[in-house]
Structures are given as structure tokens and as C-alpha cells.
């Protein structure tokens, strides 16, 4: 089953468990985010990003500059191991990891969670790539990827 099919199935299952008024708030938030144009200012494939220094799942400091010395870096941001959508996405990235490596690229995920939680996510999803902790989402905010949802 493709990632899109898995995400659609998950969405259907989750919708059946959430009250209608909450679903309406979700839809309004998504529409407001779309109308804000934030996605137009988000980094695109090939854009050069500001350097970061973040801890990996083992607490070791990693910088983008250091990672780039080995070649291109594919960076994926996710909300956390608690997010079922994110877990599906991370597993999909794990499936294409051999193709990325064959193309000379490395994959790194960034989450606002602490390294201990990142390690749990790696183990749960059997990931073979590093997960870096951007606690407080400071780096995500710096490059225009973080946003606040209304209550």
C-alpha cells in the first residue's frame, strides 16, 4: 500500500473517533495555514539552509555543515513519535533510504522532541537514519516551518 493510501486510511479512521466540532477546528486551521501563504516561503528542494547544531538520538551534537561534507542531505521534519501520520511518513522514508544512499545522499529527520523520545521513535519504526532534536522548534521557526495552531 502506498504512503498516500496509508495516510488516507488513517485519516478516515481518526475522523471516526473525533467529535465534529474538533474536526471543524482542524479544517479551519488547515485552511488558515493554506491561506497564510506560509508554504510559499518554506525551503524548497535544493535551497541552501542555515547551519544548525542539534543533538542526535544519542545526545551527540551534529551540524548541517558537518553532514554536508559527506554529500547532499535530505532533511525531513516531523512533529513527534506520538503522531501516527509522522510514523507512517518516517517508515516510508526508511523504505526509500537505500535509493537515497545509492544517489549519494543521506537522510536526517528533525523533531522538536528530546533525544530520548527520538531514540524510541527510531526503535519503534526500525529507522536506520539519524533523528535530530530541535527542542522548542527553534530551527524550524528560523527557517519558516513552525507555526502555532489556534486553541
N, C-alpha and C. Protein backbone atom coordinates (compact mmCIF):
# COMPACT_ATOMS: atom_id res chain seq x y z
N UNK A 1 0.85 -1.18 0.00
CA UNK A 1 0.00 0.00 0.00
C UNK A 1 0.89 1.24 0.00
N UNK A 2 0.55 2.22 -0.83
CA UNK A 2 1.35 3.44 -0.92
C UNK A 2 1.19 4.29 0.34
N UNK A 3 2.11 5.22 0.52
CA UNK A 3 2.02 6.13 1.66
C UNK A 3 0.72 6.91 1.59
N UNK A 4 0.35 7.39 0.42
CA UNK A 4 -0.89 8.17 0.28
C UNK A 4 -2.10 7.34 0.70
N UNK A 5 -2.13 6.08 0.31
CA UNK A 5 -3.24 5.21 0.71
C UNK A 5 -3.26 5.00 2.22
N UNK A 6 -2.08 4.80 2.80
CA UNK A 6 -2.00 4.61 4.25
C UNK A 6 -2.47 5.86 4.99
N UNK A 7 -2.06 7.03 4.50
CA UNK A 7 -2.46 8.28 5.13
C UNK A 7 -3.97 8.49 5.02
N UNK A 8 -4.54 8.18 3.87
CA UNK A 8 -5.99 8.32 3.67
C UNK A 8 -6.76 7.39 4.60
N UNK A 9 -6.29 6.17 4.72
CA UNK A 9 -6.93 5.20 5.61
C UNK A 9 -6.85 5.67 7.06
N UNK A 10 -5.69 6.15 7.47
CA UNK A 10 -5.52 6.66 8.83
C UNK A 10 -6.45 7.84 9.08
N UNK A 11 -6.53 8.75 8.13
CA UNK A 11 -7.40 9.92 8.27
C UNK A 11 -8.85 9.50 8.46
N UNK A 12 -9.29 8.54 7.68
CA UNK A 12 -10.66 8.04 7.80
C UNK A 12 -10.90 7.44 9.18
N UNK A 13 -9.95 6.64 9.66
CA UNK A 13 -10.08 6.02 10.98
C UNK A 13 -10.10 7.06 12.10
N UNK A 14 -9.22 8.05 11.99
CA UNK A 14 -9.15 9.07 13.03
C UNK A 14 -10.41 9.93 13.03
N UNK A 15 -10.89 10.28 11.83
CA UNK A 15 -12.10 11.12 11.74
C UNK A 15 -13.29 10.47 12.43
N UNK A 16 -13.35 9.16 12.41
CA UNK A 16 -14.48 8.47 13.03
C UNK A 16 -14.42 8.52 14.56
N UNK A 17 -13.28 8.94 15.11
CA UNK A 17 -13.09 8.95 16.55
C UNK A 17 -13.07 10.36 17.15
N UNK A 18 -13.16 11.38 16.31
CA UNK A 18 -13.03 12.77 16.78
C UNK A 18 -14.38 13.47 16.64
N UNK A 19 -14.78 14.23 17.67
CA UNK A 19 -16.05 14.97 17.60
C UNK A 19 -16.06 15.94 16.42
N UNK A 20 -17.24 16.17 15.87
CA UNK A 20 -17.41 17.00 14.68
C UNK A 20 -16.89 18.42 14.89
N UNK A 21 -17.11 19.01 16.08
CA UNK A 21 -16.65 20.39 16.31
C UNK A 21 -15.13 20.48 16.30
N UNK A 22 -14.46 19.44 16.77
CA UNK A 22 -12.99 19.41 16.75
C UNK A 22 -12.50 19.26 15.31
N UNK A 23 -13.15 18.41 14.55
CA UNK A 23 -12.79 18.25 13.13
C UNK A 23 -12.94 19.56 12.38
N UNK A 24 -13.99 20.31 12.71
CA UNK A 24 -14.21 21.60 12.05
C UNK A 24 -13.07 22.56 12.38
N UNK A 25 -12.62 22.56 13.64
CA UNK A 25 -11.49 23.42 14.03
C UNK A 25 -10.23 23.02 13.27
N UNK A 26 -10.00 21.72 13.13
CA UNK A 26 -8.85 21.25 12.36
C UNK A 26 -8.91 21.77 10.94
N UNK A 27 -10.08 21.61 10.31
CA UNK A 27 -10.25 22.06 8.93
C UNK A 27 -10.03 23.56 8.80
N UNK A 28 -10.54 24.33 9.76
CA UNK A 28 -10.36 25.79 9.75
C UNK A 28 -8.89 26.15 9.89
N UNK A 29 -8.18 25.43 10.75
CA UNK A 29 -6.75 25.70 10.94
C UNK A 29 -5.96 25.39 9.68
N UNK A 30 -6.30 24.29 9.03
CA UNK A 30 -5.61 23.92 7.78
C UNK A 30 -5.87 24.97 6.71
N UNK A 31 -7.11 25.41 6.62
CA UNK A 31 -7.46 26.44 5.63
C UNK A 31 -6.72 27.74 5.91
N UNK A 32 -6.67 28.14 7.19
CA UNK A 32 -5.97 29.38 7.56
C UNK A 32 -4.49 29.28 7.24
N UNK A 33 -3.90 28.14 7.51
CA UNK A 33 -2.48 27.93 7.21
C UNK A 33 -2.25 28.01 5.70
N UNK A 34 -3.13 27.38 4.94
CA UNK A 34 -3.02 27.42 3.48
C UNK A 34 -3.15 28.85 2.96
N UNK A 35 -4.11 29.59 3.49
CA UNK A 35 -4.34 30.97 3.05
C UNK A 35 -3.23 31.92 3.48
N UNK A 36 -2.49 31.56 4.52
CA UNK A 36 -1.42 32.43 5.01
C UNK A 36 -0.26 32.54 4.02
N UNK A 37 -0.14 31.58 3.12
CA UNK A 37 0.95 31.58 2.16
C UNK A 37 2.27 31.12 2.75
N UNK A 38 2.25 30.60 3.96
CA UNK A 38 3.47 30.16 4.63
C UNK A 38 4.25 29.16 3.77
N UNK A 39 3.53 28.27 3.11
CA UNK A 39 4.20 27.24 2.29
C UNK A 39 5.01 27.86 1.16
N UNK A 40 4.61 29.04 0.71
CA UNK A 40 5.34 29.71 -0.37
C UNK A 40 6.72 30.19 0.07
N UNK A 41 6.90 30.33 1.38
CA UNK A 41 8.16 30.82 1.92
C UNK A 41 9.00 29.71 2.55
N UNK A 42 8.48 28.50 2.55
CA UNK A 42 9.21 27.37 3.13
C UNK A 42 10.37 26.98 2.22
N UNK A 43 11.42 26.43 2.79
CA UNK A 43 12.55 25.98 1.97
C UNK A 43 12.09 24.97 0.92
N UNK A 44 12.71 25.03 -0.24
CA UNK A 44 12.38 24.14 -1.35
C UNK A 44 13.57 23.22 -1.62
N UNK A 45 13.32 22.17 -2.37
CA UNK A 45 14.39 21.24 -2.75
C UNK A 45 15.52 22.04 -3.39
N UNK A 46 16.73 21.81 -2.89
CA UNK A 46 17.90 22.48 -3.44
C UNK A 46 18.27 23.78 -2.75
N UNK A 47 17.38 24.32 -1.93
CA UNK A 47 17.69 25.56 -1.21
C UNK A 47 18.82 25.30 -0.21
N UNK A 48 19.66 26.30 -0.04
CA UNK A 48 20.71 26.22 0.97
C UNK A 48 20.11 26.69 2.29
N UNK A 49 20.25 25.86 3.31
CA UNK A 49 19.69 26.17 4.62
C UNK A 49 20.75 26.74 5.55
N UNK A 50 20.29 27.49 6.53
CA UNK A 50 21.20 27.97 7.58
C UNK A 50 21.75 26.77 8.33
N UNK A 51 22.95 26.91 8.83
CA UNK A 51 23.56 25.84 9.61
C UNK A 51 22.77 25.64 10.90
N UNK A 52 22.84 24.45 11.42
CA UNK A 52 22.28 24.15 12.74
C UNK A 52 23.26 23.28 13.49
N UNK A 53 23.14 23.27 14.79
CA UNK A 53 23.83 22.30 15.65
C UNK A 53 22.74 21.74 16.55
N UNK A 54 22.44 20.46 16.36
CA UNK A 54 21.37 19.79 17.10
C UNK A 54 21.89 18.45 17.63
N UNK A 55 21.27 17.97 18.68
CA UNK A 55 21.65 16.67 19.25
C UNK A 55 20.93 15.55 18.51
N UNK A 56 21.66 14.46 18.28
CA UNK A 56 21.01 13.29 17.68
C UNK A 56 20.39 12.44 18.78
N UNK A 57 19.86 11.29 18.40
CA UNK A 57 19.16 10.42 19.35
C UNK A 57 20.06 9.90 20.46
N UNK A 58 21.37 9.98 20.28
CA UNK A 58 22.32 9.54 21.31
C UNK A 58 22.88 10.71 22.11
N UNK A 59 22.39 11.91 21.82
CA UNK A 59 22.86 13.10 22.52
C UNK A 59 24.11 13.72 21.92
N UNK A 60 24.57 13.21 20.78
CA UNK A 60 25.76 13.74 20.12
C UNK A 60 25.38 14.95 19.27
N UNK A 61 26.22 15.98 19.31
CA UNK A 61 25.97 17.19 18.53
C UNK A 61 26.28 16.95 17.06
N UNK A 62 25.34 17.37 16.20
CA UNK A 62 25.52 17.25 14.76
C UNK A 62 25.21 18.60 14.13
N UNK A 63 26.02 19.00 13.17
CA UNK A 63 25.76 20.27 12.48
C UNK A 63 25.45 19.98 11.02
N UNK A 64 24.68 20.87 10.41
CA UNK A 64 24.38 20.71 8.99
C UNK A 64 25.67 20.80 8.18
N UNK A 65 26.56 21.71 8.56
CA UNK A 65 27.82 21.86 7.84
C UNK A 65 28.61 20.55 7.85
N UNK A 66 28.64 19.88 8.99
CA UNK A 66 29.34 18.60 9.11
C UNK A 66 28.67 17.54 8.23
N UNK A 67 27.35 17.48 8.27
CA UNK A 67 26.62 16.49 7.48
C UNK A 67 26.84 16.69 5.99
N UNK A 68 26.89 17.95 5.56
CA UNK A 68 27.05 18.27 4.13
C UNK A 68 28.42 17.89 3.59
N UNK A 69 29.40 17.70 4.46
CA UNK A 69 30.73 17.29 4.00
C UNK A 69 30.69 15.93 3.32
N UNK A 70 29.69 15.12 3.65
CA UNK A 70 29.56 13.78 3.07
C UNK A 70 28.70 13.76 1.81
N UNK A 71 28.17 14.91 1.43
CA UNK A 71 27.32 14.98 0.23
C UNK A 71 25.96 15.57 0.55
N UNK A 72 25.03 15.46 -0.40
CA UNK A 72 23.71 16.05 -0.20
C UNK A 72 22.99 15.46 1.02
N UNK A 73 22.18 16.29 1.65
CA UNK A 73 21.43 15.88 2.83
C UNK A 73 19.95 16.09 2.56
N UNK A 74 19.18 15.05 2.75
CA UNK A 74 17.72 15.15 2.69
C UNK A 74 17.24 15.29 4.12
N UNK A 75 16.51 16.37 4.39
CA UNK A 75 16.02 16.65 5.74
C UNK A 75 14.51 16.56 5.75
N UNK A 76 13.99 15.79 6.68
CA UNK A 76 12.55 15.69 6.88
C UNK A 76 12.24 16.14 8.31
N UNK A 77 11.25 16.99 8.43
CA UNK A 77 10.80 17.44 9.75
C UNK A 77 9.53 16.66 10.11
N UNK A 78 9.42 16.27 11.38
CA UNK A 78 8.18 15.63 11.82
C UNK A 78 7.86 16.10 13.23
N UNK A 79 6.58 15.99 13.59
CA UNK A 79 6.11 16.55 14.86
C UNK A 79 6.55 15.74 16.07
N UNK A 80 6.53 14.43 15.96
CA UNK A 80 6.94 13.61 17.09
C UNK A 80 6.47 12.18 16.93
N UNK A 81 7.04 11.31 17.73
CA UNK A 81 6.69 9.90 17.70
C UNK A 81 5.26 9.62 18.11
N UNK A 82 4.62 10.57 18.75
CA UNK A 82 3.22 10.44 19.16
C UNK A 82 2.27 10.59 17.97
N UNK A 83 2.75 11.12 16.85
CA UNK A 83 1.92 11.45 15.69
C UNK A 83 1.84 10.25 14.74
N UNK A 84 0.66 9.65 14.56
CA UNK A 84 0.56 8.49 13.67
C UNK A 84 0.89 8.81 12.22
N UNK A 85 0.56 10.02 11.77
CA UNK A 85 0.89 10.42 10.40
C UNK A 85 2.41 10.47 10.22
N UNK A 86 3.09 11.03 11.21
CA UNK A 86 4.55 11.14 11.15
C UNK A 86 5.21 9.77 11.12
N UNK A 87 4.69 8.83 11.90
CA UNK A 87 5.27 7.49 11.92
C UNK A 87 5.13 6.81 10.56
N UNK A 88 3.98 6.99 9.91
CA UNK A 88 3.82 6.45 8.55
C UNK A 88 4.84 7.06 7.60
N UNK A 89 5.01 8.38 7.71
CA UNK A 89 5.95 9.07 6.83
C UNK A 89 7.39 8.61 7.08
N UNK A 90 7.77 8.48 8.35
CA UNK A 90 9.13 8.04 8.67
C UNK A 90 9.40 6.64 8.12
N UNK A 91 8.42 5.75 8.24
CA UNK A 91 8.59 4.40 7.70
C UNK A 91 8.70 4.43 6.17
N UNK A 92 7.98 5.33 5.53
CA UNK A 92 8.09 5.47 4.07
C UNK A 92 9.48 5.96 3.69
N UNK A 93 10.02 6.90 4.46
CA UNK A 93 11.39 7.35 4.19
C UNK A 93 12.39 6.21 4.40
N UNK A 94 12.16 5.40 5.42
CA UNK A 94 13.04 4.26 5.65
C UNK A 94 13.04 3.33 4.44
N UNK A 95 11.89 3.16 3.81
CA UNK A 95 11.80 2.28 2.64
C UNK A 95 12.61 2.80 1.46
N UNK A 96 12.71 4.13 1.32
CA UNK A 96 13.47 4.67 0.18
C UNK A 96 14.91 5.02 0.55
N UNK A 97 15.29 4.75 1.79
CA UNK A 97 16.66 5.06 2.23
C UNK A 97 17.72 4.43 1.32
N UNK A 98 17.58 3.18 0.90
CA UNK A 98 18.60 2.61 0.01
C UNK A 98 18.75 3.40 -1.30
N UNK A 99 17.66 3.91 -1.84
CA UNK A 99 17.72 4.70 -3.06
C UNK A 99 18.44 6.03 -2.81
N UNK A 100 18.16 6.64 -1.67
CA UNK A 100 18.83 7.90 -1.34
C UNK A 100 20.33 7.69 -1.20
N UNK A 101 20.70 6.62 -0.50
CA UNK A 101 22.12 6.31 -0.32
C UNK A 101 22.79 6.02 -1.66
N UNK A 102 22.09 5.29 -2.53
CA UNK A 102 22.65 4.97 -3.85
C UNK A 102 22.88 6.24 -4.67
N UNK A 103 22.09 7.26 -4.40
CA UNK A 103 22.25 8.54 -5.10
C UNK A 103 23.28 9.43 -4.42
N UNK A 104 23.90 8.93 -3.34
CA UNK A 104 24.94 9.68 -2.64
C UNK A 104 24.42 10.63 -1.57
N UNK A 105 23.15 10.52 -1.24
CA UNK A 105 22.56 11.41 -0.24
C UNK A 105 22.40 10.69 1.10
N UNK A 106 22.29 11.48 2.13
CA UNK A 106 21.97 10.93 3.44
C UNK A 106 20.67 11.55 3.93
N UNK A 107 19.96 10.82 4.75
CA UNK A 107 18.67 11.25 5.26
C UNK A 107 18.79 11.56 6.74
N UNK A 108 18.21 12.68 7.15
CA UNK A 108 18.19 13.09 8.55
C UNK A 108 16.78 13.59 8.85
N UNK A 109 16.23 13.18 9.97
CA UNK A 109 14.93 13.69 10.41
C UNK A 109 15.15 14.65 11.57
N UNK A 110 14.29 15.65 11.66
CA UNK A 110 14.37 16.64 12.75
C UNK A 110 13.01 16.71 13.42
N UNK A 111 13.01 16.66 14.74
CA UNK A 111 11.80 16.69 15.55
C UNK A 111 11.98 17.65 16.72
N UNK A 112 10.90 18.22 17.24
CA UNK A 112 11.04 19.05 18.44
C UNK A 112 11.15 18.22 19.72
N UNK A 113 11.11 16.91 19.62
CA UNK A 113 11.19 16.05 20.80
C UNK A 113 12.62 15.94 21.33
N UNK A 114 12.71 15.50 22.57
CA UNK A 114 14.01 15.26 23.20
C UNK A 114 14.68 14.02 22.60
N UNK A 115 16.02 13.92 22.70
CA UNK A 115 16.72 12.76 22.14
C UNK A 115 16.18 11.41 22.62
N UNK A 116 15.79 11.29 23.89
CA UNK A 116 15.25 10.02 24.38
C UNK A 116 14.01 9.60 23.60
N UNK A 117 13.14 10.56 23.32
CA UNK A 117 11.94 10.27 22.53
C UNK A 117 12.31 9.91 21.10
N UNK A 118 13.32 10.59 20.57
CA UNK A 118 13.78 10.29 19.21
C UNK A 118 14.29 8.86 19.12
N UNK A 119 15.03 8.44 20.14
CA UNK A 119 15.55 7.07 20.16
C UNK A 119 14.40 6.07 20.18
N UNK A 120 13.37 6.36 20.95
CA UNK A 120 12.19 5.48 20.99
C UNK A 120 11.52 5.40 19.63
N UNK A 121 11.42 6.54 18.95
CA UNK A 121 10.81 6.57 17.61
C UNK A 121 11.64 5.75 16.63
N UNK A 122 12.96 5.87 16.72
CA UNK A 122 13.85 5.10 15.85
C UNK A 122 13.64 3.60 16.07
N UNK A 123 13.61 3.21 17.33
CA UNK A 123 13.44 1.79 17.65
C UNK A 123 12.08 1.28 17.21
N UNK A 124 11.03 2.04 17.50
CA UNK A 124 9.66 1.63 17.17
C UNK A 124 9.46 1.46 15.67
N UNK A 125 10.06 2.34 14.89
CA UNK A 125 9.88 2.33 13.43
C UNK A 125 11.03 1.67 12.68
N UNK A 126 12.01 1.14 13.43
CA UNK A 126 13.17 0.47 12.84
C UNK A 126 13.87 1.35 11.82
N UNK A 127 14.15 2.58 12.22
CA UNK A 127 14.79 3.55 11.34
C UNK A 127 16.30 3.36 11.35
N UNK A 128 16.91 3.58 10.21
CA UNK A 128 18.36 3.46 10.06
C UNK A 128 18.99 4.79 9.70
N UNK A 129 18.33 5.88 10.06
CA UNK A 129 18.88 7.21 9.83
C UNK A 129 18.77 8.01 11.12
N UNK A 130 19.60 9.06 11.19
CA UNK A 130 19.65 9.87 12.40
C UNK A 130 18.39 10.72 12.56
N UNK A 131 18.03 10.90 13.82
CA UNK A 131 16.96 11.82 14.17
C UNK A 131 17.56 12.87 15.10
N UNK A 132 17.42 14.13 14.71
CA UNK A 132 17.98 15.24 15.48
C UNK A 132 16.87 15.95 16.24
N UNK A 133 17.22 16.45 17.43
CA UNK A 133 16.24 17.12 18.29
C UNK A 133 16.37 18.63 18.19
N UNK A 134 15.29 19.25 17.76
CA UNK A 134 15.17 20.71 17.68
C UNK A 134 14.18 21.13 18.77
N UNK A 135 14.60 20.95 20.02
CA UNK A 135 13.73 21.22 21.16
C UNK A 135 13.28 22.68 21.12
N UNK A 136 11.98 22.88 21.23
CA UNK A 136 11.43 24.22 21.12
C UNK A 136 11.18 24.64 19.68
N UNK A 137 11.56 23.78 18.74
CA UNK A 137 11.40 24.04 17.30
C UNK A 137 12.07 25.34 16.86
N UNK A 138 13.16 25.70 17.54
CA UNK A 138 13.85 26.95 17.21
C UNK A 138 14.37 26.97 15.77
N UNK A 139 14.98 25.87 15.34
CA UNK A 139 15.49 25.85 13.96
C UNK A 139 14.34 25.85 12.96
N UNK A 140 13.31 25.08 13.24
CA UNK A 140 12.14 25.05 12.34
C UNK A 140 11.53 26.45 12.22
N UNK A 141 11.47 27.18 13.31
CA UNK A 141 10.96 28.55 13.28
C UNK A 141 11.89 29.45 12.45
N UNK A 142 13.18 29.27 12.66
CA UNK A 142 14.18 30.09 11.96
C UNK A 142 14.04 29.99 10.44
N UNK A 143 13.73 28.80 9.96
CA UNK A 143 13.64 28.62 8.51
C UNK A 143 12.19 28.66 8.00
N UNK A 144 11.27 29.04 8.88
CA UNK A 144 9.89 29.26 8.45
C UNK A 144 9.01 28.04 8.34
N UNK A 145 9.30 27.00 9.12
CA UNK A 145 8.50 25.79 9.05
C UNK A 145 7.56 25.58 10.23
N UNK A 146 7.77 26.28 11.31
CA UNK A 146 6.94 26.08 12.50
C UNK A 146 5.81 27.10 12.52
N UNK A 147 4.68 26.68 13.02
CA UNK A 147 3.53 27.56 13.13
C UNK A 147 2.74 27.16 14.37
N UNK A 148 1.92 28.08 14.85
CA UNK A 148 1.10 27.83 16.03
C UNK A 148 -0.35 27.68 15.61
N UNK A 149 -0.97 26.63 16.11
CA UNK A 149 -2.39 26.43 15.84
C UNK A 149 -3.21 27.17 16.89
N UNK A 150 -4.37 27.69 16.50
CA UNK A 150 -5.24 28.33 17.49
C UNK A 150 -5.81 27.28 18.45
N UNK A 151 -6.30 27.74 19.58
CA UNK A 151 -6.88 26.83 20.58
C UNK A 151 -8.01 26.00 20.02
